[in-house]
Amino acid sequence: AKLTPEDRRFHEWVLLLMLEGMANKTTPYAAQGLSSIWGTLAALRWRPEDEALEVLCEESRLLRLDHTFNQDMAAELARALLTLHINDGR
């Protein structure tokens, strides 16, 4: 988001590639990757379509909260969810 903030087409392409990997379970994403995706979406104030949000929320629910997940990532994830007005009661 910081390198190419105005290049929406590039971001859409990268997000599509990532979401396809998540949906097909072919590309695993660690906590660092998911918190970066959410943070980028929040920085751009870009709320993806409902289908994309469902894939992101589902992948985020599967995060392993172990030693690789720190409080900065948790704060980034929470900030992004608040910024994008995402409420997932599951």
Protein backbone atom coordinates (compact mmCIF):
# COMPACT_ATOMS: atom_id res chain seq x y z
CA ALA A 1 0.00 0.00 0.00
CA LYS A 2 2.91 2.36 0.69
CA LEU A 3 4.82 1.67 -2.54
CA THR A 4 1.92 1.83 -4.97
CA PRO A 5 -1.02 3.45 -3.16
CA GLU A 6 -2.69 4.72 -6.32
CA ASP A 7 -2.32 1.54 -8.35
CA ARG A 8 -5.69 -0.06 -7.58
CA ARG A 9 -5.42 -2.45 -10.52
CA PHE A 10 -2.17 -3.89 -9.18
CA HIS A 11 -3.69 -4.35 -5.72
CA GLU A 12 -6.78 -6.01 -7.16
CA TRP A 13 -4.60 -8.44 -9.12
CA VAL A 14 -2.45 -9.33 -6.11
CA LEU A 15 -5.51 -9.73 -3.86
CA LEU A 16 -7.20 -11.95 -6.43
CA LEU A 17 -4.12 -14.15 -6.63
CA MET A 18 -3.93 -14.44 -2.83
CA LEU A 19 -7.64 -15.11 -2.40
CA GLU A 20 -7.55 -17.81 -5.05
CA GLY A 21 -4.72 -19.53 -3.17
CA MET A 22 -6.65 -19.26 0.10
CA ALA A 23 -9.93 -20.49 -1.34
CA ASN A 24 -8.29 -23.47 -3.05
CA LYS A 25 -6.08 -24.21 -0.01
CA THR A 26 -3.02 -24.18 -2.27
CA THR A 27 -1.20 -21.28 -0.64
CA PRO A 28 -0.85 -21.19 3.14
CA TYR A 29 -0.63 -17.78 4.76
CA ALA A 30 1.08 -17.19 8.07
CA ALA A 31 0.02 -14.56 10.56
CA GLN A 32 2.47 -12.05 9.07
CA GLY A 33 0.92 -12.39 5.62
CA LEU A 34 -2.67 -12.15 6.77
CA SER A 35 -2.06 -9.17 9.03
CA SER A 36 -0.30 -7.44 6.10
CA ILE A 37 -3.25 -8.12 3.78
CA TRP A 38 -5.75 -6.75 6.31
CA GLY A 39 -3.48 -3.77 7.06
CA THR A 40 -3.13 -2.91 3.38
CA LEU A 41 -6.87 -3.08 2.82
CA ALA A 42 -7.44 -0.78 5.81
CA ALA A 43 -4.74 1.68 4.71
CA LEU A 44 -6.39 1.94 1.31
CA ARG A 45 -9.86 1.99 2.92
CA TRP A 46 -10.76 -0.77 0.50
CA ARG A 47 -13.49 -3.14 1.60
CA PRO A 48 -13.47 -6.13 -0.76
CA GLU A 49 -16.63 -7.79 -2.01
CA ASP A 50 -18.49 -10.12 0.35
CA GLU A 51 -17.09 -13.29 -1.24
CA ALA A 52 -13.52 -12.06 -0.82
CA LEU A 53 -14.24 -11.00 2.76
CA GLU A 54 -15.60 -14.45 3.54
CA VAL A 55 -12.38 -16.08 2.29
CA LEU A 56 -10.22 -13.64 4.28
CA CYS A 57 -12.28 -14.06 7.44
CA GLU A 58 -12.19 -17.84 7.16
CA GLU A 59 -8.43 -17.88 6.63
CA SER A 60 -7.98 -15.50 9.57
CA ARG A 61 -10.04 -17.76 11.83
CA LEU A 62 -7.59 -20.56 11.07
CA LEU A 63 -4.58 -18.56 12.29
CA ARG A 64 -2.33 -20.32 14.72
CA LEU A 65 -1.89 -17.99 17.65
CA ASP A 66 1.57 -19.17 18.57
CA HIS A 67 4.95 -17.52 19.11
CA THR A 68 4.98 -16.15 15.54
CA PHE A 69 1.84 -14.06 16.17
CA ASN A 70 2.65 -10.98 18.22
CA GLN A 71 0.70 -8.09 19.72
CA ASP A 72 1.55 -5.78 16.83
CA MET A 73 -0.08 -8.20 14.39
CA ALA A 74 -3.12 -8.53 16.65
CA ALA A 75 -3.41 -4.73 16.87
CA GLU A 76 -3.02 -4.38 13.09
CA LEU A 77 -5.70 -6.97 12.48
CA ALA A 78 -8.08 -5.34 14.97
CA ARG A 79 -7.45 -1.86 13.54
CA ALA A 80 -8.16 -3.11 10.02
CA LEU A 81 -11.39 -4.83 11.04
CA LEU A 82 -12.59 -1.67 12.77
CA THR A 83 -11.56 0.58 9.88
CA LEU A 84 -13.35 -1.61 7.35
CA HIS A 85 -16.41 -2.09 9.62
CA ILE A 86 -16.16 -5.87 9.54
CA ASN A 87 -18.14 -7.80 12.13
CA ASP A 88 -17.88 -11.56 12.02
CA GLY A 89 -19.73 -13.10 14.90
CA ARG A 90 -18.39 -16.58 14.37
